Amino acid sequence: MTHAFYILTAYTLTTLTILSLIAWNWMDGRARRRELAELEASGLRRRSTAAPGGTPSP
């Protein structure tokens, strides 16, 4: 095993790990936004959103 092989392997594994984490976060974010859209479509609202014709709840 050469020194260059070790360095190349380490950089490759690090790059794959970082790209995997980025992809996972991106896909999870999309899933959470989809879930929020479904909840809001079913009538549930966020507490920080003003009620129609009313004041926002604390």
C-alpha atoms as a PDB file:
ATOM      1  CA  MET A   1       0.000   0.000   0.000  1.00  0.00           C
ATOM      2  CA  THR A   2       1.473   3.312  -1.029  1.00  0.00           C
ATOM      3  CA  HIS A   3       1.093   6.620   0.679  1.00  0.00           C
ATOM      4  CA  ALA A   4      -0.826   8.041  -2.302  1.00  0.00           C
ATOM      5  CA  PHE A   5      -3.316   5.144  -2.192  1.00  0.00           C
ATOM      6  CA  TYR A   6      -4.008   5.814   1.494  1.00  0.00           C
ATOM      7  CA  ILE A   7      -4.538   9.540   0.888  1.00  0.00           C
ATOM      8  CA  LEU A   8      -6.774   8.914  -2.142  1.00  0.00           C
ATOM      9  CA  THR A   9      -8.865   6.394  -0.190  1.00  0.00           C
ATOM     10  CA  ALA A  10      -9.260   8.761   2.759  1.00  0.00           C
ATOM     11  CA  TYR A  11     -10.322  11.666   0.538  1.00  0.00           C
ATOM     12  CA  THR A  12     -12.726   9.459  -1.415  1.00  0.00           C
ATOM     13  CA  LEU A  13     -14.422   8.119   1.709  1.00  0.00           C
ATOM     14  CA  THR A  14     -14.651  11.608   3.192  1.00  0.00           C
ATOM     15  CA  THR A  15     -16.184  12.980  -0.007  1.00  0.00           C
ATOM     16  CA  LEU A  16     -18.715  10.151  -0.188  1.00  0.00           C
ATOM     17  CA  THR A  17     -19.667  10.643   3.453  1.00  0.00           C
ATOM     18  CA  ILE A  18     -20.193  14.384   3.041  1.00  0.00           C
ATOM     19  CA  LEU A  19     -22.196  13.942  -0.178  1.00  0.00           C
ATOM     20  CA  SER A  20     -24.334  11.296   1.527  1.00  0.00           C
ATOM     21  CA  LEU A  21     -25.092  13.649   4.421  1.00  0.00           C
ATOM     22  CA  ILE A  22     -25.986  16.476   2.038  1.00  0.00           C
ATOM     23  CA  ALA A  23     -28.311  14.191   0.056  1.00  0.00           C
ATOM     24  CA  TRP A  24     -29.936  12.858   3.218  1.00  0.00           C
ATOM     25  CA  ASN A  25     -30.602  16.376   4.554  1.00  0.00           C
ATOM     26  CA  TRP A  26     -31.993  17.505   1.211  1.00  0.00           C
ATOM     27  CA  MET A  27     -34.353  14.517   0.920  1.00  0.00           C
ATOM     28  CA  ASP A  28     -35.450  14.809   4.561  1.00  0.00           C
ATOM     29  CA  GLY A  29     -36.182  18.518   4.102  1.00  0.00           C
ATOM     30  CA  ARG A  30     -38.352  17.763   1.087  1.00  0.00           C
ATOM     31  CA  ALA A  31     -40.231  15.097   3.072  1.00  0.00           C
ATOM     32  CA  ARG A  32     -40.854  17.482   5.982  1.00  0.00           C
ATOM     33  CA  ARG A  33     -42.158  20.216   3.629  1.00  0.00           C
ATOM     34  CA  ARG A  34     -44.454  17.657   1.996  1.00  0.00           C
ATOM     35  CA  GLU A  35     -45.770  16.587   5.417  1.00  0.00           C
ATOM     36  CA  LEU A  36     -46.382  20.216   6.408  1.00  0.00           C
ATOM     37  CA  ALA A  37     -48.250  20.844   3.159  1.00  0.00           C
ATOM     38  CA  GLU A  38     -50.447  17.787   3.790  1.00  0.00           C
ATOM     39  CA  LEU A  39     -51.201  18.909   7.351  1.00  0.00           C
ATOM     40  CA  GLU A  40     -52.031  22.436   6.238  1.00  0.00           C
ATOM     41  CA  ALA A  41     -54.237  21.074   3.425  1.00  0.00           C
ATOM     42  CA  SER A  42     -56.136  18.994   5.983  1.00  0.00           C
ATOM     43  CA  GLY A  43     -56.937  22.098   8.010  1.00  0.00           C
ATOM     44  CA  LEU A  44     -54.196  22.148  10.614  1.00  0.00           C
ATOM     45  CA  ARG A  45     -52.377  25.452  10.910  1.00  0.00           C
ATOM     46  CA  ARG A  46     -49.149  26.517  12.536  1.00  0.00           C
ATOM     47  CA  ARG A  47     -49.520  28.394  15.801  1.00  0.00           C
ATOM     48  CA  SER A  48     -47.356  31.208  14.461  1.00  0.00           C
ATOM     49  CA  THR A  49     -49.802  31.816  11.599  1.00  0.00           C
ATOM     50  CA  ALA A  50     -52.628  34.284  12.162  1.00  0.00           C
ATOM     51  CA  ALA A  51     -56.077  32.768  12.241  1.00  0.00           C
ATOM     52  CA  PRO A  52     -58.396  33.979   9.471  1.00  0.00           C
ATOM     53  CA  GLY A  53     -60.024  37.196  10.699  1.00  0.00           C
ATOM     54  CA  GLY A  54     -58.305  37.011  14.072  1.00  0.00           C
ATOM     55  CA  THR A  55     -55.103  37.811  15.824  1.00  0.00           C
ATOM     56  CA  PRO A  56     -52.114  35.515  15.831  1.00  0.00           C
ATOM     57  CA  SER A  57     -51.975  33.180  18.760  1.00  0.00           C
ATOM     58  CA  PRO A  58     -49.036  33.622  21.170  1.00  0.00           C
END
